[in-house]
Amino acid sequence: MAPRVVPAPSAGSEIVSAAEHGRICALALECRRDLKACVDAYPDLFPRKPFDERLFTGVALANAYGSPWEDAAGLRMAIKTSMWNFAADWQIDYVAGTREEVQDLIADCLSVADGDDPVRSGPITTFLAEIVKDLADGPAAAILPAWRDQFARWLAAMAREWEWKTARAEGTGGLPTFEEYLANADNFGTTWVNISHWIHRGDTMTVARIDELWSASQEVQRILRLLNDLATYRRDVEWGDLNALMLGLERSEVRARIEALIAHSRELIEPLKPDCLEAATYLERQIGFSTGFYGVTDYWGAL
């Protein structure tokens, strides 16, 4: 049977806008299939609490809205690295019970990122090895050194926050300052996922301007870090996490900092558009989607 053809609505109508949202939601459903494949392949990394349908749907929607011009195959690496990011965050923040366990996990992940077999094999490093292999075959594999550098930053930032949280819980140290906390935003993982996506989908201009894309992505990552904190304060208190609102700032002050970061991000993103329109637009759409999303909910399910 031939596929049913739906006539295009007239330009400028609300139907056009709704049709575009519908198309993006359909793309998210296609991405959800790839996401399910990750979860099915590594079930030990994704316990039902807190990895529930809320998180899976949120990840699929975020990636579809970030790059609505892609198909599901084009977003496959972004989906994989997003899910690995959540799984590793859970492993370090809540599964690891000692400093040695955190350090061992980081050492194993860095070893795998360098193409080695991990000393202690497990699902988290097996999944990472799959990602590394896929990236090595990507069209912009020339920026793998930037990916490796950002991956190390992500792990170091995760370890730093683990130290802050542990010291606070044990009463052996104080909280970081707000500026120290914001400077540690690499633990959010946005830039690492972005570089992975650009390796998978990038072109020669992405490679040529990766340093500028990296700087812009870092600013976007800080924005998303703070948007997340505004949405998750109560959850972070319950789970023993850190949050910008625990560091002496009012919500209005955090919002003002977000606005300043957004203004600066525009200055970084706009000059990239002539050469890297899709990558630049992708960063802008991350800000837009997250502003709306975190205004209502967040990703994690209940414990």
C-alpha atoms as a PDB file:
ATOM      1  CA  MET A   1       0.000   0.000   0.000  1.00  0.00           C
ATOM      2  CA  ALA A   2       1.355   3.445  -0.918  1.00  0.00           C
ATOM      3  CA  PRO A   3       1.912   5.856   1.986  1.00  0.00           C
ATOM      4  CA  ARG A   4      -0.885   8.308   2.634  1.00  0.00           C
ATOM      5  CA  VAL A   5       0.015  11.830   1.471  1.00  0.00           C
ATOM      6  CA  VAL A   6      -0.999  14.617   3.841  1.00  0.00           C
ATOM      7  CA  PRO A   7      -1.456  17.954   2.054  1.00  0.00           C
ATOM      8  CA  ALA A   8       0.751  20.798   3.310  1.00  0.00           C
ATOM      9  CA  PRO A   9      -1.174  23.490   5.209  1.00  0.00           C
ATOM     10  CA  SER A  10      -1.174  27.077   4.036  1.00  0.00           C
ATOM     11  CA  ALA A  11       1.846  29.135   5.045  1.00  0.00           C
ATOM     12  CA  GLY A  12       1.608  31.435   8.056  1.00  0.00           C
ATOM     13  CA  SER A  13      -1.163  29.548   9.815  1.00  0.00           C
ATOM     14  CA  GLU A  14      -1.209  27.990  13.258  1.00  0.00           C
ATOM     15  CA  ILE A  15      -1.552  24.691  11.432  1.00  0.00           C
ATOM     16  CA  VAL A  16       1.946  25.162   9.997  1.00  0.00           C
ATOM     17  CA  SER A  17       3.400  25.706  13.458  1.00  0.00           C
ATOM     18  CA  ALA A  18       1.563  22.721  14.893  1.00  0.00           C
ATOM     19  CA  ALA A  19       2.600  20.577  11.934  1.00  0.00           C
ATOM     20  CA  GLU A  20       6.258  21.375  12.572  1.00  0.00           C
ATOM     21  CA  HIS A  21       5.906  20.501  16.264  1.00  0.00           C
ATOM     22  CA  GLY A  22       4.183  17.294  15.259  1.00  0.00           C
ATOM     23  CA  ARG A  23       7.018  16.406  12.900  1.00  0.00           C
ATOM     24  CA  ILE A  24       9.599  17.012  15.636  1.00  0.00           C
ATOM     25  CA  CYS A  25       7.627  14.882  18.087  1.00  0.00           C
ATOM     26  CA  ALA A  26       7.556  12.105  15.478  1.00  0.00           C
ATOM     27  CA  LEU A  27      11.331  12.425  15.187  1.00  0.00           C
ATOM     28  CA  ALA A  28      11.550  12.102  18.984  1.00  0.00           C
ATOM     29  CA  LEU A  29       9.572   8.858  18.775  1.00  0.00           C
ATOM     30  CA  GLU A  30      12.076   7.542  16.248  1.00  0.00           C
ATOM     31  CA  CYS A  31      14.920   8.592  18.561  1.00  0.00           C
ATOM     32  CA  ARG A  32      13.158   6.790  21.399  1.00  0.00           C
ATOM     33  CA  ARG A  33      13.740   3.512  19.547  1.00  0.00           C
ATOM     34  CA  ASP A  34      17.511   4.086  19.560  1.00  0.00           C
ATOM     35  CA  LEU A  35      17.326   5.092  23.187  1.00  0.00           C
ATOM     36  CA  LYS A  36      15.478   1.890  24.037  1.00  0.00           C
ATOM     37  CA  ALA A  37      18.193  -0.090  22.264  1.00  0.00           C
ATOM     38  CA  CYS A  38      20.786   1.480  24.608  1.00  0.00           C
ATOM     39  CA  VAL A  39      18.710   0.665  27.675  1.00  0.00           C
ATOM     40  CA  ASP A  40      18.007  -2.888  26.523  1.00  0.00           C
ATOM     41  CA  ALA A  41      21.686  -3.501  25.754  1.00  0.00           C
ATOM     42  CA  TYR A  42      22.872  -2.235  29.155  1.00  0.00           C
ATOM     43  CA  PRO A  43      20.012  -2.802  31.614  1.00  0.00           C
ATOM     44  CA  ASP A  44      22.275  -2.723  34.681  1.00  0.00           C
ATOM     45  CA  LEU A  45      23.127   0.903  33.923  1.00  0.00           C
ATOM     46  CA  PHE A  46      19.507   2.020  33.887  1.00  0.00           C
ATOM     47  CA  PRO A  47      17.565   0.861  36.962  1.00  0.00           C
ATOM     48  CA  ARG A  48      13.863   1.648  36.755  1.00  0.00           C
ATOM     49  CA  LYS A  49      14.292   4.132  39.572  1.00  0.00           C
ATOM     50  CA  PRO A  50      15.253   6.796  38.601  1.00  0.00           C
ATOM     51  CA  PHE A  51      15.550   5.795  34.907  1.00  0.00           C
ATOM     52  CA  ASP A  52      11.906   5.820  33.930  1.00  0.00           C
ATOM     53  CA  GLU A  53       9.849   6.869  30.912  1.00  0.00           C
ATOM     54  CA  ARG A  54      10.012  10.494  32.037  1.00  0.00           C
ATOM     55  CA  LEU A  55      13.783  10.540  31.563  1.00  0.00           C
ATOM     56  CA  PHE A  56      13.750   8.564  28.315  1.00  0.00           C
ATOM     57  CA  THR A  57      11.061  10.746  26.740  1.00  0.00           C
ATOM     58  CA  GLY A  58      12.798  13.920  27.886  1.00  0.00           C
ATOM     59  CA  VAL A  59      16.112  12.879  26.322  1.00  0.00           C
ATOM     60  CA  ALA A  60      14.445  11.943  23.027  1.00  0.00           C
ATOM     61  CA  LEU A  61      12.530  15.225  22.875  1.00  0.00           C
ATOM     62  CA  ALA A  62      15.570  17.342  23.772  1.00  0.00           C
ATOM     63  CA  ASN A  63      17.615  15.867  20.954  1.00  0.00           C
ATOM     64  CA  ALA A  64      14.808  16.041  18.408  1.00  0.00           C
ATOM     65  CA  TYR A  65      14.112  19.694  19.184  1.00  0.00           C
ATOM     66  CA  GLY A  66      17.831  20.494  19.195  1.00  0.00           C
ATOM     67  CA  SER A  67      18.335  19.264  15.616  1.00  0.00           C
ATOM     68  CA  PRO A  68      14.920  18.992  13.951  1.00  0.00           C
ATOM     69  CA  TRP A  69      16.522  18.890  10.482  1.00  0.00           C
ATOM     70  CA  GLU A  70      18.144  15.512  11.280  1.00  0.00           C
ATOM     71  CA  ASP A  71      16.671  12.051  11.050  1.00  0.00           C
ATOM     72  CA  ALA A  72      16.955   9.463  13.831  1.00  0.00           C
ATOM     73  CA  ALA A  73      20.214   8.096  12.401  1.00  0.00           C
ATOM     74  CA  GLY A  74      21.713  11.577  12.464  1.00  0.00           C
ATOM     75  CA  LEU A  75      20.846  11.904  16.158  1.00  0.00           C
ATOM     76  CA  ARG A  76      21.994   8.420  17.146  1.00  0.00           C
ATOM     77  CA  MET A  77      25.305   9.544  18.634  1.00  0.00           C
ATOM     78  CA  ALA A  78      23.695  12.379  20.570  1.00  0.00           C
ATOM     79  CA  ILE A  79      21.213   9.869  22.009  1.00  0.00           C
ATOM     80  CA  LYS A  80      23.957   7.377  22.908  1.00  0.00           C
ATOM     81  CA  THR A  81      26.201   9.909  24.589  1.00  0.00           C
ATOM     82  CA  SER A  82      23.270  11.524  26.409  1.00  0.00           C
ATOM     83  CA  MET A  83      22.324   8.163  27.875  1.00  0.00           C
ATOM     84  CA  TRP A  84      25.926   7.307  28.747  1.00  0.00           C
ATOM     85  CA  ASN A  85      26.171  10.704  30.437  1.00  0.00           C
ATOM     86  CA  PHE A  86      23.151   9.987  32.635  1.00  0.00           C
ATOM     87  CA  ALA A  87      24.378   6.470  33.444  1.00  0.00           C
ATOM     88  CA  ALA A  88      27.887   7.611  34.396  1.00  0.00           C
ATOM     89  CA  ASP A  89      26.481  10.487  36.440  1.00  0.00           C
ATOM     90  CA  TRP A  90      24.433   7.959  38.400  1.00  0.00           C
ATOM     91  CA  GLN A  91      27.413   5.634  38.834  1.00  0.00           C
ATOM     92  CA  ILE A  92      29.655   8.371  40.223  1.00  0.00           C
ATOM     93  CA  ASP A  93      27.117  10.344  42.246  1.00  0.00           C
ATOM     94  CA  TYR A  94      25.101   7.534  43.815  1.00  0.00           C
ATOM     95  CA  VAL A  95      26.615   4.091  43.200  1.00  0.00           C
ATOM     96  CA  ALA A  96      30.253   4.817  44.065  1.00  0.00           C
ATOM     97  CA  GLY A  97      30.671   4.773  47.818  1.00  0.00           C
ATOM     98  CA  THR A  98      34.337   5.657  48.203  1.00  0.00           C
ATOM     99  CA  ARG A  99      36.908   7.972  46.688  1.00  0.00           C
ATOM    100  CA  GLU A 100      38.793   4.930  45.402  1.00  0.00           C
ATOM    101  CA  GLU A 101      35.727   3.697  43.529  1.00  0.00           C
ATOM    102  CA  VAL A 102      35.315   7.097  41.877  1.00  0.00           C
ATOM    103  CA  GLN A 103      38.980   7.244  40.931  1.00  0.00           C
ATOM    104  CA  ASP A 104      38.965   3.693  39.571  1.00  0.00           C
ATOM    105  CA  LEU A 105      35.918   4.405  37.402  1.00  0.00           C
ATOM    106  CA  ILE A 106      37.478   7.590  36.048  1.00  0.00           C
ATOM    107  CA  ALA A 107      40.775   5.833  35.295  1.00  0.00           C
ATOM    108  CA  ASP A 108      38.958   3.040  33.455  1.00  0.00           C
ATOM    109  CA  CYS A 109      36.880   5.498  31.419  1.00  0.00           C
ATOM    110  CA  LEU A 110      39.931   7.521  30.401  1.00  0.00           C
ATOM    111  CA  SER A 111      41.707   4.320  29.400  1.00  0.00           C
ATOM    112  CA  VAL A 112      38.785   3.298  27.188  1.00  0.00           C
ATOM    113  CA  ALA A 113      38.653   6.798  25.695  1.00  0.00           C
ATOM    114  CA  ASP A 114      42.277   6.263  24.666  1.00  0.00           C
ATOM    115  CA  GLY A 115      41.353   3.015  22.918  1.00  0.00           C
ATOM    116  CA  ASP A 116      42.545   0.609  25.632  1.00  0.00           C
ATOM    117  CA  ASP A 117      40.684  -2.256  27.263  1.00  0.00           C
ATOM    118  CA  PRO A 118      39.557  -1.313  30.791  1.00  0.00           C
ATOM    119  CA  VAL A 119      41.289  -2.875  33.766  1.00  0.00           C
ATOM    120  CA  ARG A 120      37.904  -3.552  35.357  1.00  0.00           C
ATOM    121  CA  SER A 121      35.416  -4.298  32.600  1.00  0.00           C
ATOM    122  CA  GLY A 122      31.744  -3.574  33.160  1.00  0.00           C
ATOM    123  CA  PRO A 123      28.691  -2.206  31.368  1.00  0.00           C
ATOM    124  CA  ILE A 124      29.693   1.448  31.790  1.00  0.00           C
ATOM    125  CA  THR A 125      33.055   0.941  30.077  1.00  0.00           C
ATOM    126  CA  THR A 126      31.641  -1.512  27.517  1.00  0.00           C
ATOM    127  CA  PHE A 127      29.049   1.081  26.493  1.00  0.00           C
ATOM    128  CA  LEU A 128      31.770   3.746  26.348  1.00  0.00           C
ATOM    129  CA  ALA A 129      33.965   1.517  24.160  1.00  0.00           C
ATOM    130  CA  GLU A 130      31.048   1.181  21.730  1.00  0.00           C
ATOM    131  CA  ILE A 131      30.763   4.971  21.572  1.00  0.00           C
ATOM    132  CA  VAL A 132      34.508   5.422  21.052  1.00  0.00           C
ATOM    133  CA  LYS A 133      34.472   2.950  18.166  1.00  0.00           C
ATOM    134  CA  ASP A 134      31.535   4.712  16.517  1.00  0.00           C
ATOM    135  CA  LEU A 135      33.199   8.112  16.886  1.00  0.00           C
ATOM    136  CA  ALA A 136      36.426   6.880  15.300  1.00  0.00           C
ATOM    137  CA  ASP A 137      34.396   6.222  12.146  1.00  0.00           C
ATOM    138  CA  GLY A 138      32.657   9.610  12.219  1.00  0.00           C
ATOM    139  CA  PRO A 139      33.028  12.144   9.399  1.00  0.00           C
ATOM    140  CA  ALA A 140      34.676  14.685  11.733  1.00  0.00           C
ATOM    141  CA  ALA A 141      36.966  12.254  13.588  1.00  0.00           C
ATOM    142  CA  ALA A 142      39.707  14.885  13.266  1.00  0.00           C
ATOM    143  CA  ILE A 143      38.251  16.600  16.348  1.00  0.00           C
ATOM    144  CA  LEU A 144      38.565  13.496  18.534  1.00  0.00           C
ATOM    145  CA  PRO A 145      41.400  15.208  20.522  1.00  0.00           C
ATOM    146  CA  ALA A 146      38.907  17.933  21.509  1.00  0.00           C
ATOM    147  CA  TRP A 147      36.420  15.211  22.452  1.00  0.00           C
ATOM    148  CA  ARG A 148      39.054  13.472  24.598  1.00  0.00           C
ATOM    149  CA  ASP A 149      39.948  16.730  26.328  1.00  0.00           C
ATOM    150  CA  GLN A 150      36.313  17.525  27.079  1.00  0.00           C
ATOM    151  CA  PHE A 151      35.696  13.999  28.298  1.00  0.00           C
ATOM    152  CA  ALA A 152      38.549  14.386  30.796  1.00  0.00           C
ATOM    153  CA  ARG A 153      37.058  17.719  31.888  1.00  0.00           C
ATOM    154  CA  TRP A 154      33.695  16.032  32.434  1.00  0.00           C
ATOM    155  CA  LEU A 155      35.195  13.304  34.604  1.00  0.00           C
ATOM    156  CA  ALA A 156      37.327  15.753  36.596  1.00  0.00           C
ATOM    157  CA  ALA A 157      34.287  17.951  37.221  1.00  0.00           C
ATOM    158  CA  MET A 158      32.261  14.948  38.382  1.00  0.00           C
ATOM    159  CA  ALA A 159      35.039  13.957  40.800  1.00  0.00           C
ATOM    160  CA  ARG A 160      35.292  17.542  42.090  1.00  0.00           C
ATOM    161  CA  GLU A 161      31.569  17.690  42.834  1.00  0.00           C
ATOM    162  CA  TRP A 162      31.777  14.268  44.514  1.00  0.00           C
ATOM    163  CA  GLU A 163      34.478  15.682  46.802  1.00  0.00           C
ATOM    164  CA  TRP A 164      32.370  18.746  47.617  1.00  0.00           C
ATOM    165  CA  LYS A 165      29.304  16.650  48.407  1.00  0.00           C
ATOM    166  CA  THR A 166      31.256  14.142  50.485  1.00  0.00           C
ATOM    167  CA  ALA A 167      33.026  16.837  52.493  1.00  0.00           C
ATOM    168  CA  ARG A 168      29.704  18.506  53.179  1.00  0.00           C
ATOM    169  CA  ALA A 169      28.042  15.233  54.244  1.00  0.00           C
ATOM    170  CA  GLU A 170      30.964  14.336  56.505  1.00  0.00           C
ATOM    171  CA  GLY A 171      31.247  17.820  57.942  1.00  0.00           C
ATOM    172  CA  THR A 172      34.861  18.107  56.841  1.00  0.00           C
ATOM    173  CA  GLY A 173      34.506  20.979  54.384  1.00  0.00           C
ATOM    174  CA  GLY A 174      32.256  23.752  53.192  1.00  0.00           C
ATOM    175  CA  LEU A 175      30.355  24.343  50.005  1.00  0.00           C
ATOM    176  CA  PRO A 176      32.048  25.851  46.958  1.00  0.00           C
ATOM    177  CA  THR A 177      31.385  29.459  46.083  1.00  0.00           C
ATOM    178  CA  PHE A 178      28.861  30.109  43.356  1.00  0.00           C
ATOM    179  CA  GLU A 179      31.645  31.024  40.933  1.00  0.00           C
ATOM    180  CA  GLU A 180      33.544  27.811  41.732  1.00  0.00           C
ATOM    181  CA  TYR A 181      30.348  25.832  41.237  1.00  0.00           C
ATOM    182  CA  LEU A 182      29.576  27.484  37.898  1.00  0.00           C
ATOM    183  CA  ALA A 183      33.167  26.996  36.745  1.00  0.00           C
ATOM    184  CA  ASN A 184      32.601  23.268  37.339  1.00  0.00           C
ATOM    185  CA  ALA A 185      29.687  23.118  34.865  1.00  0.00           C
ATOM    186  CA  ASP A 186      31.566  20.557  32.756  1.00  0.00           C
ATOM    187  CA  ASN A 187      29.934  17.992  35.048  1.00  0.00           C
ATOM    188  CA  PHE A 188      26.652  18.707  33.256  1.00  0.00           C
ATOM    189  CA  GLY A 189      27.991  16.946  30.160  1.00  0.00           C
ATOM    190  CA  THR A 190      26.462  19.180  27.502  1.00  0.00           C
ATOM    191  CA  THR A 191      29.667  20.043  25.675  1.00  0.00           C
ATOM    192  CA  TRP A 192      30.873  16.453  25.673  1.00  0.00           C
ATOM    193  CA  VAL A 193      27.608  15.331  24.065  1.00  0.00           C
ATOM    194  CA  ASN A 194      27.758  18.236  21.603  1.00  0.00           C
ATOM    195  CA  ILE A 195      31.272  17.407  20.413  1.00  0.00           C
ATOM    196  CA  SER A 196      30.248  13.761  20.049  1.00  0.00           C
ATOM    197  CA  HIS A 197      27.309  14.846  17.890  1.00  0.00           C
ATOM    198  CA  TRP A 198      29.544  17.084  15.752  1.00  0.00           C
ATOM    199  CA  ILE A 199      32.004  14.260  15.173  1.00  0.00           C
ATOM    200  CA  HIS A 200      29.105  12.089  14.020  1.00  0.00           C
ATOM    201  CA  ARG A 201      27.524  14.773  11.815  1.00  0.00           C
ATOM    202  CA  GLY A 202      30.244  17.388  11.315  1.00  0.00           C
ATOM    203  CA  ASP A 203      31.828  18.740   8.154  1.00  0.00           C
ATOM    204  CA  THR A 204      35.070  20.479   7.288  1.00  0.00           C
ATOM    205  CA  MET A 205      33.942  23.827   8.712  1.00  0.00           C
ATOM    206  CA  THR A 206      32.942  22.205  11.989  1.00  0.00           C
ATOM    207  CA  VAL A 207      36.468  20.851  12.203  1.00  0.00           C
ATOM    208  CA  ALA A 208      37.975  24.209  11.234  1.00  0.00           C
ATOM    209  CA  ARG A 209      36.008  26.164  13.838  1.00  0.00           C
ATOM    210  CA  ILE A 210      35.805  23.613  16.635  1.00  0.00           C
ATOM    211  CA  ASP A 211      37.583  25.883  19.140  1.00  0.00           C
ATOM    212  CA  GLU A 212      34.954  28.584  18.667  1.00  0.00           C
ATOM    213  CA  LEU A 213      32.136  26.041  18.765  1.00  0.00           C
ATOM    214  CA  TRP A 214      33.632  24.654  21.959  1.00  0.00           C
ATOM    215  CA  SER A 215      33.684  28.112  23.592  1.00  0.00           C
ATOM    216  CA  ALA A 216      30.063  28.733  22.624  1.00  0.00           C
ATOM    217  CA  SER A 217      29.033  25.297  23.852  1.00  0.00           C
ATOM    218  CA  GLN A 218      30.717  25.937  27.193  1.00  0.00           C
ATOM    219  CA  GLU A 219      28.607  29.061  27.652  1.00  0.00           C
ATOM    220  CA  VAL A 220      25.468  27.129  26.713  1.00  0.00           C
ATOM    221  CA  GLN A 221      26.461  24.430  29.199  1.00  0.00           C
ATOM    222  CA  ARG A 222      26.644  27.002  32.004  1.00  0.00           C
ATOM    223  CA  ILE A 223      23.189  28.281  31.062  1.00  0.00           C
ATOM    224  CA  LEU A 224      21.740  24.767  31.134  1.00  0.00           C
ATOM    225  CA  ARG A 225      23.455  24.054  34.443  1.00  0.00           C
ATOM    226  CA  LEU A 226      21.671  26.996  36.070  1.00  0.00           C
ATOM    227  CA  LEU A 227      18.314  26.357  34.365  1.00  0.00           C
ATOM    228  CA  ASN A 228      18.481  22.822  35.728  1.00  0.00           C
ATOM    229  CA  ASP A 229      19.241  24.106  39.228  1.00  0.00           C
ATOM    230  CA  LEU A 230      16.207  26.363  39.251  1.00  0.00           C
ATOM    231  CA  ALA A 231      14.048  23.360  38.334  1.00  0.00           C
ATOM    232  CA  THR A 232      15.595  20.764  40.655  1.00  0.00           C
ATOM    233  CA  TYR A 233      16.281  22.531  43.955  1.00  0.00           C
ATOM    234  CA  ARG A 234      13.855  20.448  46.011  1.00  0.00           C
ATOM    235  CA  ARG A 235      15.030  17.222  44.383  1.00  0.00           C
ATOM    236  CA  ASP A 236      18.664  18.149  44.996  1.00  0.00           C
ATOM    237  CA  VAL A 237      17.950  18.796  48.680  1.00  0.00           C
ATOM    238  CA  GLU A 238      16.241  15.389  48.989  1.00  0.00           C
ATOM    239  CA  TRP A 239      18.984  13.536  47.088  1.00  0.00           C
ATOM    240  CA  GLY A 240      21.894  15.307  48.781  1.00  0.00           C
ATOM    241  CA  ASP A 241      23.048  17.017  45.576  1.00  0.00           C
ATOM    242  CA  LEU A 242      24.563  20.464  45.164  1.00  0.00           C
ATOM    243  CA  ASN A 243      22.604  23.314  43.625  1.00  0.00           C
ATOM    244  CA  ALA A 244      23.339  26.973  42.859  1.00  0.00           C
ATOM    245  CA  LEU A 245      20.503  27.977  45.215  1.00  0.00           C
ATOM    246  CA  MET A 246      22.412  26.420  48.124  1.00  0.00           C
ATOM    247  CA  LEU A 247      25.293  28.844  47.616  1.00  0.00           C
ATOM    248  CA  GLY A 248      23.815  32.070  48.898  1.00  0.00           C
ATOM    249  CA  LEU A 249      21.974  33.277  45.787  1.00  0.00           C
ATOM    250  CA  GLU A 250      18.285  34.045  45.401  1.00  0.00           C
ATOM    251  CA  ARG A 251      16.338  32.762  42.429  1.00  0.00           C
ATOM    252  CA  SER A 252      16.228  36.267  40.965  1.00  0.00           C
ATOM    253  CA  GLU A 253      20.033  36.462  41.083  1.00  0.00           C
ATOM    254  CA  VAL A 254      20.414  33.114  39.332  1.00  0.00           C
ATOM    255  CA  ARG A 255      17.915  34.191  36.674  1.00  0.00           C
ATOM    256  CA  ALA A 256      19.846  37.437  36.158  1.00  0.00           C
ATOM    257  CA  ARG A 257      23.061  35.450  35.678  1.00  0.00           C
ATOM    258  CA  ILE A 258      21.297  33.201  33.154  1.00  0.00           C
ATOM    259  CA  GLU A 259      20.184  36.253  31.177  1.00  0.00           C
ATOM    260  CA  ALA A 260      23.747  37.594  31.145  1.00  0.00           C
ATOM    261  CA  LEU A 261      25.074  34.226  29.974  1.00  0.00           C
ATOM    262  CA  ILE A 262      22.445  34.042  27.229  1.00  0.00           C
ATOM    263  CA  ALA A 263      23.432  37.510  26.007  1.00  0.00           C
ATOM    264  CA  HIS A 264      27.085  36.493  25.891  1.00  0.00           C
ATOM    265  CA  SER A 265      26.251  33.192  24.190  1.00  0.00           C
ATOM    266  CA  ARG A 266      24.624  35.124  21.350  1.00  0.00           C
ATOM    267  CA  GLU A 267      27.868  37.039  20.841  1.00  0.00           C
ATOM    268  CA  LEU A 268      29.727  33.737  20.561  1.00  0.00           C
ATOM    269  CA  ILE A 269      27.190  31.907  18.392  1.00  0.00           C
ATOM    270  CA  GLU A 270      26.258  34.565  15.847  1.00  0.00           C
ATOM    271  CA  PRO A 271      29.703  34.784  14.131  1.00  0.00           C
ATOM    272  CA  LEU A 272      29.625  30.998  13.618  1.00  0.00           C
ATOM    273  CA  LYS A 273      26.460  30.992  11.515  1.00  0.00           C
ATOM    274  CA  PRO A 274      27.993  31.828   8.109  1.00  0.00           C
ATOM    275  CA  ASP A 275      30.224  28.733   8.269  1.00  0.00           C
ATOM    276  CA  CYS A 276      28.477  26.430  10.766  1.00  0.00           C
ATOM    277  CA  LEU A 277      24.784  27.273  10.587  1.00  0.00           C
ATOM    278  CA  GLU A 278      23.493  23.910  11.805  1.00  0.00           C
ATOM    279  CA  ALA A 279      25.951  23.664  14.701  1.00  0.00           C
ATOM    280  CA  ALA A 280      25.266  27.262  15.750  1.00  0.00           C
ATOM    281  CA  THR A 281      21.499  26.837  15.482  1.00  0.00           C
ATOM    282  CA  TYR A 282      21.765  23.592  17.456  1.00  0.00           C
ATOM    283  CA  LEU A 283      23.325  25.539  20.355  1.00  0.00           C
ATOM    284  CA  GLU A 284      20.618  28.200  20.241  1.00  0.00           C
ATOM    285  CA  ARG A 285      17.888  25.573  20.218  1.00  0.00           C
ATOM    286  CA  GLN A 286      19.445  23.864  23.244  1.00  0.00           C
ATOM    287  CA  ILE A 287      18.974  27.087  25.187  1.00  0.00           C
ATOM    288  CA  GLY A 288      15.427  27.562  23.943  1.00  0.00           C
ATOM    289  CA  PHE A 289      14.296  23.992  24.592  1.00  0.00           C
ATOM    290  CA  SER A 290      15.857  23.892  28.055  1.00  0.00           C
ATOM    291  CA  THR A 291      14.321  27.224  29.031  1.00  0.00           C
ATOM    292  CA  GLY A 292      10.854  25.857  28.295  1.00  0.00           C
ATOM    293  CA  PHE A 293      11.512  22.342  29.573  1.00  0.00           C
ATOM    294  CA  TYR A 294      13.020  23.308  32.918  1.00  0.00           C
ATOM    295  CA  GLY A 295      10.234  25.825  33.395  1.00  0.00           C
ATOM    296  CA  VAL A 296       7.935  22.827  33.907  1.00  0.00           C
ATOM    297  CA  THR A 297       9.908  19.716  34.824  1.00  0.00           C
ATOM    298  CA  ASP A 298      13.304  17.973  34.758  1.00  0.00           C
ATOM    299  CA  TYR A 299      14.644  14.670  33.488  1.00  0.00           C
ATOM    300  CA  TRP A 300      15.144  12.367  36.464  1.00  0.00           C
ATOM    301  CA  GLY A 301      12.440   9.997  37.668  1.00  0.00           C
ATOM    302  CA  ALA A 302      11.683   9.271  41.319  1.00  0.00           C
ATOM    303  CA  LEU A 303      13.956   7.215  43.546  1.00  0.00           C
END
